[in-house]
Amino acid sequence: MGWGSAYSLFNTVADALIEADASDEVKEKALTKVIAALQADDWDTELDSLQSYLKDPAIVRAFATNGVVWD
C-alpha cells in the first residue's frame, strides 16, 4: 500500500514556495528532491499533486525529472 498522505505534504511545500515567490530554479531543485524522497517512501498519489500544478512549468519539470508526467 502506498503513501497517500504525501499529497498533502508535497502540496504544502509547493504552495509555500509559490507564496514565497521562489524562483523557478529554486522550486524545481527543491521539489525534485522532495518528490524523490516521497517516492522512496512509496508515495502513490504523485499524479494528484502534479494535476494541481500543471500551470507551473518548474513544478512540472520537477515531477518529470522523477518520472512522473501528465498525459
Protein backbone atom coordinates (compact mmCIF):
# COMPACT_ATOMS: atom_id res chain seq x y z
CA MET A 1 0.00 0.00 0.00
CA GLY A 2 1.30 3.41 -0.91
CA TRP A 3 1.58 6.65 0.99
CA GLY A 4 -1.36 8.86 0.03
CA SER A 5 -0.83 11.45 2.76
CA ALA A 6 2.29 12.64 0.95
CA TYR A 7 -0.09 14.52 -1.34
CA SER A 8 -0.83 16.98 1.46
CA LEU A 9 2.82 17.26 2.45
CA PHE A 10 4.01 17.91 -1.11
CA ASN A 11 1.26 20.45 -1.81
CA THR A 12 2.06 22.32 1.41
CA VAL A 13 5.72 22.65 0.42
CA ALA A 14 4.89 23.60 -3.18
CA ASP A 15 2.34 26.19 -2.05
CA ALA A 16 4.84 27.69 0.41
CA LEU A 17 7.42 28.07 -2.35
CA ILE A 18 4.86 29.71 -4.62
CA GLU A 19 3.66 32.05 -1.86
CA ALA A 20 7.28 33.00 -1.09
CA ASP A 21 7.69 33.88 -4.78
CA ALA A 22 10.57 31.42 -5.12
CA SER A 23 12.29 31.43 -8.48
CA ASP A 24 11.59 28.64 -10.95
CA GLU A 25 15.11 27.34 -10.32
CA VAL A 26 14.55 27.12 -6.57
CA LYS A 27 11.14 25.48 -6.96
CA GLU A 28 12.44 22.93 -9.45
CA LYS A 29 15.55 22.00 -7.46
CA ALA A 30 13.80 21.84 -4.10
CA LEU A 31 10.74 19.97 -5.29
CA THR A 32 12.77 17.50 -7.35
CA LYS A 33 14.39 16.41 -4.09
CA VAL A 34 11.10 16.40 -2.18
CA ILE A 35 9.43 14.26 -4.85
CA ALA A 36 12.33 11.78 -4.86
CA ALA A 37 12.21 11.48 -1.07
CA LEU A 38 8.45 10.94 -1.03
CA GLN A 39 8.71 8.33 -3.79
CA ALA A 40 11.35 6.50 -1.78
CA ASP A 41 8.72 6.21 0.97
CA ASP A 42 6.21 4.70 -1.50
CA TRP A 43 4.25 7.81 -2.49
CA ASP A 44 1.39 6.69 -4.72
CA THR A 45 -0.56 9.90 -5.35
CA GLU A 46 2.02 11.81 -7.38
CA LEU A 47 -0.41 12.42 -10.23
CA ASP A 48 -2.90 14.01 -7.85
CA SER A 49 -0.29 16.55 -6.81
CA LEU A 50 1.02 17.06 -10.33
CA GLN A 51 -2.51 17.79 -11.54
CA SER A 52 -2.73 20.66 -9.06
CA TYR A 53 0.36 22.36 -10.53
CA LEU A 54 0.10 21.78 -14.28
CA LYS A 55 0.28 25.54 -14.92
CA ASP A 56 3.64 25.83 -13.14
CA PRO A 57 6.40 24.70 -15.55
CA ALA A 58 9.06 24.43 -12.83
CA ILE A 59 6.94 22.04 -10.78
CA VAL A 60 6.01 20.03 -13.87
CA ARG A 61 9.74 19.69 -14.66
CA ALA A 62 10.45 18.53 -11.09
CA PHE A 63 7.90 15.76 -11.49
CA ALA A 64 9.20 14.83 -14.95
CA THR A 65 12.74 14.53 -13.57
CA ASN A 66 11.33 11.92 -11.20
CA GLY A 67 9.48 10.04 -13.94
CA VAL A 68 6.02 11.48 -13.33
CA VAL A 69 4.34 13.09 -16.33
CA TRP A 70 0.81 14.15 -17.15
CA ASP A 71 -0.56 12.79 -20.42
